[in-house]
């Protein structure tokens, strides 16, 4: 049974063919262009009528509504942290 062949995806083969100096330059350039992604995605999962919508509203600074309708499907909200 032949060994598995690892195909490079980064750096691209045309860079890898040029040798170790080109590979190091490639990764150095990647590091320079990096920008932090200050974003978090949170998914609340639980039984129906467990209070997920009320929890989200509390986190967003909205008022509690005792008579809140049940959320059908998915509700996506955006929030800018201060």
N, C-alpha and C. Protein backbone atom coordinates (compact mmCIF):
# COMPACT_ATOMS: atom_id res chain seq x y z
N UNK A 1 0.85 -1.19 0.00
CA UNK A 1 0.00 0.00 0.00
C UNK A 1 0.89 1.24 0.00
N UNK A 2 0.73 2.12 -0.99
CA UNK A 2 1.60 3.31 -1.06
C UNK A 2 1.27 4.30 0.06
N UNK A 3 2.27 5.06 0.51
CA UNK A 3 2.01 6.07 1.55
C UNK A 3 1.13 7.18 1.00
N UNK A 4 0.39 7.83 1.90
CA UNK A 4 -0.45 8.96 1.51
C UNK A 4 0.44 10.11 1.04
N UNK A 5 0.00 10.80 0.02
CA UNK A 5 0.74 11.95 -0.49
C UNK A 5 0.09 13.21 0.04
N UNK A 6 0.89 14.06 0.65
CA UNK A 6 0.39 15.32 1.20
C UNK A 6 0.53 16.41 0.14
N UNK A 7 -0.58 16.96 -0.29
CA UNK A 7 -0.55 18.03 -1.28
C UNK A 7 -0.55 19.37 -0.55
N UNK A 8 0.44 20.19 -0.83
CA UNK A 8 0.50 21.52 -0.21
C UNK A 8 -0.57 22.43 -0.79
N UNK A 9 -1.20 23.18 0.09
CA UNK A 9 -2.10 24.23 -0.37
C UNK A 9 -1.54 25.60 -0.03
N UNK A 10 -0.65 25.63 0.94
CA UNK A 10 0.00 26.88 1.31
C UNK A 10 1.40 26.54 1.78
N UNK A 11 2.41 27.05 1.19
CA UNK A 11 2.42 27.99 0.09
C UNK A 11 2.02 27.29 -1.21
N UNK A 12 1.63 28.07 -2.20
CA UNK A 12 1.29 27.47 -3.49
C UNK A 12 2.51 26.74 -4.07
N UNK A 13 2.29 25.71 -4.86
CA UNK A 13 3.41 24.94 -5.43
C UNK A 13 4.43 25.79 -6.17
N UNK A 14 3.98 26.84 -6.86
CA UNK A 14 4.94 27.68 -7.60
C UNK A 14 5.89 28.42 -6.66
N UNK A 15 5.48 28.70 -5.44
CA UNK A 15 6.36 29.32 -4.45
C UNK A 15 7.28 28.24 -3.87
N UNK A 16 6.71 27.10 -3.52
CA UNK A 16 7.49 26.01 -2.92
C UNK A 16 8.62 25.55 -3.84
N UNK A 17 8.39 25.57 -5.14
CA UNK A 17 9.41 25.14 -6.10
C UNK A 17 10.64 26.05 -6.07
N UNK A 18 10.48 27.28 -5.61
CA UNK A 18 11.58 28.25 -5.61
C UNK A 18 12.52 28.08 -4.41
N UNK A 19 12.12 27.25 -3.46
CA UNK A 19 13.03 26.97 -2.35
C UNK A 19 12.62 27.62 -1.04
N UNK A 20 13.43 27.33 -0.02
CA UNK A 20 13.11 27.74 1.35
C UNK A 20 13.08 29.25 1.53
N UNK A 21 13.96 29.99 0.86
CA UNK A 21 13.95 31.45 0.99
C UNK A 21 12.64 32.05 0.48
N UNK A 22 12.16 31.54 -0.66
CA UNK A 22 10.90 32.02 -1.22
C UNK A 22 9.73 31.66 -0.30
N UNK A 23 9.79 30.49 0.29
CA UNK A 23 8.73 30.06 1.22
C UNK A 23 8.71 30.97 2.44
N UNK A 24 9.88 31.27 2.98
CA UNK A 24 9.95 32.16 4.15
C UNK A 24 9.44 33.55 3.81
N UNK A 25 9.80 34.07 2.63
CA UNK A 25 9.31 35.38 2.19
C UNK A 25 7.79 35.37 2.06
N UNK A 26 7.27 34.29 1.50
CA UNK A 26 5.82 34.15 1.32
C UNK A 26 5.11 34.26 2.67
N UNK A 27 5.56 33.49 3.66
CA UNK A 27 4.90 33.52 4.97
C UNK A 27 5.13 34.83 5.70
N UNK A 28 6.28 35.46 5.50
CA UNK A 28 6.54 36.77 6.11
C UNK A 28 5.55 37.81 5.56
N UNK A 29 5.30 37.75 4.26
CA UNK A 29 4.35 38.68 3.65
C UNK A 29 2.93 38.42 4.16
N UNK A 30 2.57 37.16 4.35
CA UNK A 30 1.26 36.84 4.90
C UNK A 30 1.09 37.43 6.30
N UNK A 31 2.12 37.33 7.11
CA UNK A 31 2.06 37.87 8.48
C UNK A 31 1.87 39.38 8.47
N UNK A 32 2.51 40.09 7.55
CA UNK A 32 2.40 41.55 7.47
C UNK A 32 0.96 41.98 7.15
N UNK A 33 0.28 41.20 6.34
CA UNK A 33 -1.04 41.61 5.88
C UNK A 33 -2.17 41.16 6.79
N UNK A 34 -1.86 40.46 7.86
CA UNK A 34 -2.91 39.98 8.76
C UNK A 34 -3.55 41.13 9.53
N UNK A 35 -4.87 41.06 9.65
CA UNK A 35 -5.61 42.00 10.48
C UNK A 35 -6.50 41.19 11.40
N UNK A 36 -6.59 41.60 12.66
CA UNK A 36 -7.41 40.83 13.59
C UNK A 36 -8.90 40.93 13.22
N UNK A 37 -9.59 39.84 13.41
CA UNK A 37 -11.03 39.81 13.21
C UNK A 37 -11.66 39.85 14.59
N UNK A 38 -12.17 41.00 14.97
CA UNK A 38 -12.76 41.17 16.29
C UNK A 38 -14.25 40.86 16.23
N UNK A 39 -14.53 39.58 16.06
CA UNK A 39 -15.90 39.15 15.90
C UNK A 39 -16.09 37.80 16.58
N UNK A 40 -17.23 37.65 17.22
CA UNK A 40 -17.57 36.39 17.87
C UNK A 40 -18.99 36.03 17.47
N UNK A 41 -19.20 34.78 17.18
CA UNK A 41 -20.56 34.32 16.88
C UNK A 41 -20.98 33.39 18.00
N UNK A 42 -22.17 33.63 18.52
CA UNK A 42 -22.70 32.84 19.62
C UNK A 42 -24.02 32.22 19.17
N UNK A 43 -24.18 30.95 19.45
CA UNK A 43 -25.42 30.26 19.14
C UNK A 43 -26.02 29.75 20.45
N UNK A 44 -27.25 30.15 20.73
CA UNK A 44 -27.95 29.67 21.90
C UNK A 44 -28.85 28.51 21.47
N UNK A 45 -28.65 27.37 22.10
CA UNK A 45 -29.41 26.18 21.76
C UNK A 45 -30.07 25.66 23.03
N UNK A 46 -31.33 25.26 22.92
CA UNK A 46 -32.00 24.70 24.09
C UNK A 46 -33.43 24.34 23.76
N UNK A 47 -34.09 23.80 24.75
CA UNK A 47 -35.49 23.41 24.61
C UNK A 47 -36.35 24.63 24.32
N UNK A 48 -37.51 24.37 23.72
CA UNK A 48 -38.46 25.45 23.48
C UNK A 48 -38.91 26.07 24.78
N UNK A 49 -39.13 27.37 24.76
CA UNK A 49 -39.59 28.13 25.92
C UNK A 49 -38.62 28.06 27.10
N UNK A 50 -37.33 27.88 26.80
CA UNK A 50 -36.32 27.82 27.86
C UNK A 50 -35.81 29.20 28.25
N UNK A 51 -36.05 30.22 27.39
CA UNK A 51 -35.63 31.57 27.71
C UNK A 51 -34.47 32.08 26.87
N UNK A 52 -34.19 31.43 25.75
CA UNK A 52 -33.07 31.87 24.91
C UNK A 52 -33.29 33.28 24.38
N UNK A 53 -34.49 33.59 23.89
CA UNK A 53 -34.78 34.93 23.38
C UNK A 53 -34.70 35.95 24.49
N UNK A 54 -35.19 35.61 25.66
CA UNK A 54 -35.13 36.55 26.79
C UNK A 54 -33.68 36.80 27.20
N UNK A 55 -32.85 35.77 27.14
CA UNK A 55 -31.43 35.93 27.46
C UNK A 55 -30.76 36.87 26.45
N UNK A 56 -31.04 36.68 25.17
CA UNK A 56 -30.47 37.55 24.14
C UNK A 56 -30.93 38.99 24.35
N UNK A 57 -32.20 39.17 24.62
CA UNK A 57 -32.72 40.52 24.85
C UNK A 57 -32.05 41.16 26.06
N UNK A 58 -31.80 40.40 27.11
CA UNK A 58 -31.12 40.92 28.30
C UNK A 58 -29.69 41.35 27.94
N UNK A 59 -28.99 40.53 27.16
CA UNK A 59 -27.63 40.87 26.75
C UNK A 59 -27.59 42.12 25.89
N UNK A 60 -28.65 42.36 25.12
CA UNK A 60 -28.72 43.53 24.25
C UNK A 60 -29.29 44.76 24.96
N UNK A 61 -29.62 44.61 26.23
CA UNK A 61 -30.13 45.75 26.99
C UNK A 61 -31.59 46.05 26.71
N UNK A 62 -32.31 45.08 26.17
CA UNK A 62 -33.72 45.27 25.88
C UNK A 62 -34.55 44.82 27.09
N UNK A 63 -35.79 45.26 27.12
CA UNK A 63 -36.64 44.94 28.27
C UNK A 63 -37.23 43.54 28.16
N UNK A 64 -37.46 42.93 29.30
CA UNK A 64 -38.06 41.60 29.38
C UNK A 64 -39.55 41.70 29.08
N UNK A 65 -40.05 40.79 28.28
CA UNK A 65 -41.47 40.75 27.94
C UNK A 65 -42.00 39.38 28.34
N UNK A 66 -42.78 39.37 29.40
CA UNK A 66 -43.33 38.13 29.92
C UNK A 66 -44.19 37.41 28.87
N UNK A 67 -44.74 38.15 27.94
CA UNK A 67 -45.63 37.58 26.93
C UNK A 67 -44.95 37.45 25.56
N UNK A 68 -43.64 37.33 25.57
CA UNK A 68 -42.86 37.18 24.32
C UNK A 68 -43.35 35.94 23.57
N UNK A 69 -43.61 36.12 22.27
CA UNK A 69 -44.00 34.99 21.44
C UNK A 69 -42.83 34.02 21.28
N UNK A 70 -43.14 32.76 21.07
CA UNK A 70 -42.11 31.76 20.82
C UNK A 70 -41.43 32.06 19.49
N UNK A 71 -40.13 31.92 19.47
CA UNK A 71 -39.39 32.13 18.23
C UNK A 71 -39.53 30.90 17.37
N UNK A 72 -39.99 31.09 16.15
CA UNK A 72 -40.11 29.98 15.20
C UNK A 72 -38.95 30.08 14.23
N UNK A 73 -38.16 29.04 14.15
CA UNK A 73 -37.00 29.05 13.24
C UNK A 73 -35.80 29.66 13.94
N UNK A 74 -35.08 30.48 13.20
CA UNK A 74 -33.84 31.08 13.69
C UNK A 74 -33.98 32.59 13.72
N UNK A 75 -33.50 33.19 14.78
CA UNK A 75 -33.51 34.65 14.92
C UNK A 75 -32.06 35.11 15.01
N UNK A 76 -31.61 35.89 14.05
CA UNK A 76 -30.23 36.38 14.04
C UNK A 76 -30.22 37.83 14.44
N UNK A 77 -29.37 38.15 15.42
CA UNK A 77 -29.26 39.53 15.93
C UNK A 77 -27.82 39.98 15.87
N UNK A 78 -27.59 41.25 15.62
CA UNK A 78 -26.25 41.83 15.65
C UNK A 78 -26.11 42.69 16.90
N UNK A 79 -24.92 42.71 17.46
CA UNK A 79 -24.67 43.46 18.67
C UNK A 79 -23.25 44.04 18.62
N UNK A 80 -23.13 45.32 18.82
CA UNK A 80 -21.84 45.99 18.87
C UNK A 80 -21.45 46.16 20.32
N UNK A 81 -20.44 45.46 20.76
CA UNK A 81 -19.96 45.59 22.14
C UNK A 81 -19.29 46.96 22.30
N UNK A 82 -19.47 47.54 23.46
CA UNK A 82 -18.86 48.86 23.71
C UNK A 82 -17.66 48.72 24.57
